[in-house]
C-alpha cells in the first residue's frame, strides 16, 4: 500500500515537473516567435524600401538614356546638315 502511494506521489511530481518544463518551453517559444516576427517585419520593410529605390534608380537611368539618345540624334542631325551644306556648296 505504501509503495503504491509513493508511486502515485512520484508520478504526480513527475507530471508537475513536466508541466513546469512545458510552460517554460511555451514561454521561450512565444518569445522566439515574437522576435522572429519582428525580423520578418523588418525584412519586409527592407524589401519594400529596396524595391522602391530600384524603381526610382531605373526610372532615373531610363530618363538619362532617353536624354542621351536625344542629344546624340540632335548632334547627328546637325552633323548631317553641316555635311550636306559642305557638299552642296559651289566648287571653285
N, C-alpha and C. Protein backbone atom coordinates (compact mmCIF):
# COMPACT_ATOMS: atom_id res chain seq x y z
N UNK A 1 0.82 -1.19 0.00
CA UNK A 1 0.00 0.00 0.00
C UNK A 1 0.87 1.26 0.00
N UNK A 2 1.88 1.29 0.87
CA UNK A 2 2.75 2.46 0.96
C UNK A 2 3.53 2.67 -0.34
N UNK A 3 3.95 1.58 -0.97
CA UNK A 3 4.71 1.73 -2.20
C UNK A 3 3.81 2.25 -3.32
N UNK A 4 2.54 1.89 -3.34
CA UNK A 4 1.64 2.41 -4.35
C UNK A 4 1.37 3.89 -4.13
N UNK A 5 1.33 4.31 -2.87
CA UNK A 5 1.17 5.74 -2.56
C UNK A 5 2.42 6.49 -3.01
N UNK A 6 3.60 5.94 -2.72
CA UNK A 6 4.86 6.56 -3.12
C UNK A 6 4.93 6.65 -4.64
N UNK A 7 4.50 5.58 -5.31
CA UNK A 7 4.48 5.57 -6.77
C UNK A 7 3.57 6.68 -7.30
N UNK A 8 2.40 6.82 -6.71
CA UNK A 8 1.45 7.86 -7.12
C UNK A 8 2.01 9.25 -6.89
N UNK A 9 2.67 9.43 -5.75
CA UNK A 9 3.27 10.72 -5.44
C UNK A 9 4.38 11.04 -6.44
N UNK A 10 5.22 10.03 -6.75
CA UNK A 10 6.29 10.23 -7.73
C UNK A 10 5.71 10.60 -9.09
N UNK A 11 4.67 9.89 -9.50
CA UNK A 11 4.03 10.19 -10.79
C UNK A 11 3.47 11.61 -10.80
N UNK A 12 2.87 12.04 -9.71
CA UNK A 12 2.31 13.39 -9.62
C UNK A 12 3.43 14.43 -9.69
N UNK A 13 4.55 14.16 -9.01
CA UNK A 13 5.68 15.08 -9.05
C UNK A 13 6.28 15.17 -10.45
N UNK A 14 6.43 14.01 -11.09
CA UNK A 14 6.97 13.99 -12.45
C UNK A 14 6.04 14.76 -13.39
N UNK A 15 4.74 14.54 -13.25
CA UNK A 15 3.78 15.23 -14.10
C UNK A 15 3.83 16.74 -13.86
N UNK A 16 3.95 17.13 -12.60
CA UNK A 16 4.04 18.56 -12.27
C UNK A 16 5.31 19.17 -12.85
N UNK A 17 6.42 18.44 -12.78
CA UNK A 17 7.69 18.92 -13.33
C UNK A 17 7.58 19.05 -14.85
N UNK A 18 6.95 18.09 -15.51
CA UNK A 18 6.76 18.16 -16.96
C UNK A 18 5.91 19.37 -17.33
N UNK A 19 4.88 19.63 -16.51
CA UNK A 19 4.02 20.79 -16.77
C UNK A 19 4.83 22.08 -16.65
N UNK A 20 5.66 22.17 -15.63
CA UNK A 20 6.50 23.36 -15.44
C UNK A 20 7.46 23.51 -16.61
N UNK A 21 8.08 22.40 -17.03
CA UNK A 21 9.01 22.43 -18.16
C UNK A 21 8.31 22.86 -19.45
N UNK A 22 7.11 22.31 -19.67
CA UNK A 22 6.36 22.66 -20.87
C UNK A 22 5.94 24.14 -20.86
N UNK A 23 5.56 24.64 -19.69
CA UNK A 23 5.20 26.06 -19.59
C UNK A 23 6.40 26.95 -19.90
N UNK A 24 7.57 26.55 -19.39
CA UNK A 24 8.79 27.32 -19.66
C UNK A 24 9.12 27.27 -21.15
N UNK A 25 9.00 26.08 -21.75
CA UNK A 25 9.27 25.94 -23.18
C UNK A 25 8.28 26.77 -24.00
N UNK A 26 7.02 26.79 -23.58
CA UNK A 26 6.00 27.58 -24.26
C UNK A 26 6.35 29.07 -24.23
N UNK A 27 6.76 29.56 -23.06
CA UNK A 27 7.15 30.97 -22.94
C UNK A 27 8.36 31.27 -23.81
N UNK A 28 9.32 30.35 -23.81
CA UNK A 28 10.52 30.53 -24.63
C UNK A 28 10.17 30.58 -26.12
N UNK A 29 9.31 29.67 -26.55
CA UNK A 29 8.91 29.65 -27.95
C UNK A 29 8.08 30.88 -28.32
N UNK A 30 7.26 31.34 -27.39
CA UNK A 30 6.47 32.54 -27.64
C UNK A 30 7.38 33.75 -27.85
N UNK A 31 8.41 33.87 -27.02
CA UNK A 31 9.37 34.97 -27.18
C UNK A 31 10.14 34.84 -28.49
N UNK A 32 10.54 33.62 -28.81
CA UNK A 32 11.27 33.40 -30.07
C UNK A 32 10.38 33.75 -31.25
N UNK A 33 9.11 33.39 -31.18
CA UNK A 33 8.16 33.71 -32.25
C UNK A 33 8.03 35.22 -32.40
N UNK A 34 7.93 35.93 -31.29
CA UNK A 34 7.82 37.39 -31.34
C UNK A 34 9.06 38.00 -31.99
N UNK A 35 10.24 37.52 -31.58
CA UNK A 35 11.49 38.03 -32.16
C UNK A 35 11.55 37.75 -33.66
N UNK A 36 11.14 36.55 -34.06
CA UNK A 36 11.16 36.21 -35.48
C UNK A 36 10.15 37.04 -36.26
N UNK A 37 9.01 37.33 -35.67
CA UNK A 37 8.01 38.17 -36.34
C UNK A 37 8.55 39.58 -36.54
N UNK A 38 9.28 40.07 -35.57
CA UNK A 38 9.92 41.40 -35.70
C UNK A 38 10.93 41.37 -36.85
N UNK A 39 11.70 40.28 -36.93
CA UNK A 39 12.67 40.15 -38.02
C UNK A 39 11.96 40.11 -39.37
N UNK A 40 10.86 39.37 -39.44
CA UNK A 40 10.09 39.29 -40.69
C UNK A 40 9.59 40.67 -41.09
N UNK A 41 9.04 41.40 -40.12
CA UNK A 41 8.54 42.75 -40.43
C UNK A 41 9.66 43.66 -40.90
N UNK A 42 10.81 43.57 -40.24
CA UNK A 42 11.95 44.40 -40.65
C UNK A 42 12.42 44.04 -42.06
N UNK A 43 12.47 42.75 -42.35
CA UNK A 43 12.89 42.32 -43.68
C UNK A 43 11.89 42.75 -44.74
N UNK A 44 10.61 42.68 -44.43
CA UNK A 44 9.60 43.15 -45.39
C UNK A 44 9.76 44.64 -45.67
N UNK A 45 10.00 45.40 -44.61
CA UNK A 45 10.22 46.84 -44.80
C UNK A 45 11.47 47.09 -45.64
N UNK A 46 12.53 46.34 -45.38
CA UNK A 46 13.76 46.48 -46.15
C UNK A 46 13.52 46.15 -47.62
N UNK A 47 12.75 45.10 -47.87
CA UNK A 47 12.43 44.72 -49.25
C UNK A 47 11.66 45.84 -49.94
N UNK A 48 10.66 46.39 -49.26
CA UNK A 48 9.86 47.47 -49.85
C UNK A 48 10.73 48.68 -50.18
N UNK A 49 11.60 49.05 -49.26
CA UNK A 49 12.48 50.20 -49.48
C UNK A 49 13.43 49.92 -50.64
N UNK A 50 13.99 48.71 -50.67
CA UNK A 50 14.92 48.33 -51.73
C UNK A 50 14.24 48.35 -53.09
N UNK A 51 13.03 47.80 -53.15
CA UNK A 51 12.29 47.81 -54.41
C UNK A 51 11.97 49.22 -54.86
N UNK A 52 11.57 50.07 -53.92
CA UNK A 52 11.25 51.45 -54.27
C UNK A 52 12.49 52.16 -54.80
N UNK A 53 13.64 51.93 -54.16
CA UNK A 53 14.89 52.55 -54.63
C UNK A 53 15.27 52.02 -56.00
N UNK A 54 15.05 50.73 -56.23
CA UNK A 54 15.39 50.14 -57.52
C UNK A 54 14.53 50.73 -58.63
N UNK A 55 13.25 50.90 -58.35
CA UNK A 55 12.35 51.50 -59.34
C UNK A 55 12.78 52.94 -59.63
N UNK A 56 13.08 53.68 -58.57
CA UNK A 56 13.50 55.07 -58.72
C UNK A 56 14.80 55.14 -59.53
N UNK A 57 15.75 54.27 -59.23
CA UNK A 57 17.03 54.26 -59.94
C UNK A 57 16.81 53.90 -61.41
N UNK A 58 15.97 52.92 -61.67
CA UNK A 58 15.70 52.51 -63.05
C UNK A 58 15.06 53.64 -63.84
N UNK A 59 14.12 54.33 -63.22
CA UNK A 59 13.47 55.45 -63.90
C UNK A 59 14.48 56.56 -64.21
N UNK A 60 15.37 56.82 -63.26
CA UNK A 60 16.39 57.85 -63.48
C UNK A 60 17.34 57.44 -64.61
N UNK A 61 17.74 56.16 -64.61
CA UNK A 61 18.63 55.68 -65.68
C UNK A 61 17.93 55.72 -67.03
N UNK A 62 16.66 55.36 -67.04
CA UNK A 62 15.89 55.39 -68.29
C UNK A 62 15.77 56.81 -68.82
N UNK A 63 15.52 57.76 -67.91
CA UNK A 63 15.41 59.16 -68.31
C UNK A 63 16.75 59.65 -68.87
N UNK A 64 17.85 59.30 -68.19
CA UNK A 64 19.18 59.71 -68.66
C UNK A 64 19.47 59.10 -70.02
N UNK A 65 19.06 57.86 -70.23
CA UNK A 65 19.28 57.20 -71.52
C UNK A 65 18.51 57.91 -72.63
N UNK A 66 17.24 58.23 -72.35
CA UNK A 66 16.43 58.93 -73.35
C UNK A 66 17.05 60.28 -73.69
N UNK A 67 17.51 61.00 -72.67
CA UNK A 67 18.14 62.29 -72.91
C UNK A 67 19.42 62.14 -73.73
N UNK A 68 20.20 61.11 -73.44
CA UNK A 68 21.44 60.87 -74.19
C UNK A 68 21.13 60.53 -75.65
N UNK A 69 20.12 59.70 -75.87
CA UNK A 69 19.74 59.35 -77.24
C UNK A 69 19.28 60.60 -77.98
N UNK A 70 18.48 61.43 -77.34
CA UNK A 70 18.01 62.67 -77.98
C UNK A 70 19.18 63.58 -78.32
N UNK A 71 20.14 63.68 -77.39
CA UNK A 71 21.32 64.53 -77.63
C UNK A 71 22.11 64.00 -78.83
N UNK A 72 22.31 62.70 -78.87
CA UNK A 72 23.06 62.10 -79.97
C UNK A 72 22.33 62.32 -81.29
N UNK A 73 21.01 62.18 -81.27
CA UNK A 73 20.24 62.38 -82.50
C UNK A 73 20.32 63.83 -82.97
N UNK A 74 20.27 64.78 -82.05
CA UNK A 74 20.40 66.20 -82.42
C UNK A 74 21.78 66.45 -83.03
N UNK A 75 22.81 65.92 -82.36
CA UNK A 75 24.18 66.09 -82.87
C UNK A 75 24.31 65.47 -84.25
N UNK A 76 23.76 64.30 -84.42
CA UNK A 76 23.81 63.61 -85.70
C UNK A 76 23.11 64.44 -86.78
N UNK A 77 21.96 64.98 -86.45
CA UNK A 77 21.21 65.81 -87.40
C UNK A 77 22.02 67.06 -87.76
N UNK A 78 22.65 67.68 -86.77
CA UNK A 78 23.46 68.87 -87.03
C UNK A 78 24.65 68.52 -87.95
N UNK A 79 25.29 67.41 -87.65
CA UNK A 79 26.42 66.99 -88.48
C UNK A 79 25.97 66.65 -89.90
N UNK A 80 24.81 66.02 -90.01
CA UNK A 80 24.27 65.69 -91.33
C UNK A 80 23.98 66.96 -92.13
N UNK A 81 23.35 67.92 -91.46
CA UNK A 81 23.05 69.19 -92.12
C UNK A 81 24.33 69.90 -92.54
N UNK A 82 25.30 69.89 -91.66
CA UNK A 82 26.59 70.53 -91.95
C UNK A 82 27.27 69.85 -93.14
N UNK A 83 27.25 68.55 -93.16
CA UNK A 83 27.86 67.80 -94.25
C UNK A 83 27.14 68.08 -95.57
N UNK A 84 25.81 68.09 -95.55
CA UNK A 84 25.05 68.39 -96.76
C UNK A 84 25.34 69.79 -97.26
N UNK A 85 25.52 70.74 -96.32
CA UNK A 85 25.84 72.10 -96.69
C UNK A 85 27.21 72.14 -97.36
N UNK A 86 28.17 71.44 -96.79
CA UNK A 86 29.51 71.42 -97.36
C UNK A 86 29.51 70.75 -98.74
N UNK A 87 28.76 69.71 -98.89
CA UNK A 87 28.74 69.00 -100.17
C UNK A 87 28.00 69.77 -101.26
N UNK A 88 27.02 70.57 -100.87
CA UNK A 88 26.25 71.31 -101.86
C UNK A 88 26.83 72.69 -102.13
N UNK A 89 27.88 73.06 -101.46
CA UNK A 89 28.50 74.38 -101.68
C UNK A 89 29.11 74.40 -103.07
N UNK A 90 29.03 75.56 -103.72
CA UNK A 90 29.60 75.64 -105.08
C UNK A 90 31.11 75.42 -105.02
N UNK A 91 31.57 74.67 -106.01
CA UNK A 91 33.00 74.37 -106.06
C UNK A 91 33.70 75.46 -106.87
N UNK A 92 34.88 75.82 -106.49
CA UNK A 92 35.63 76.87 -107.17
C UNK A 92 36.71 76.31 -108.00
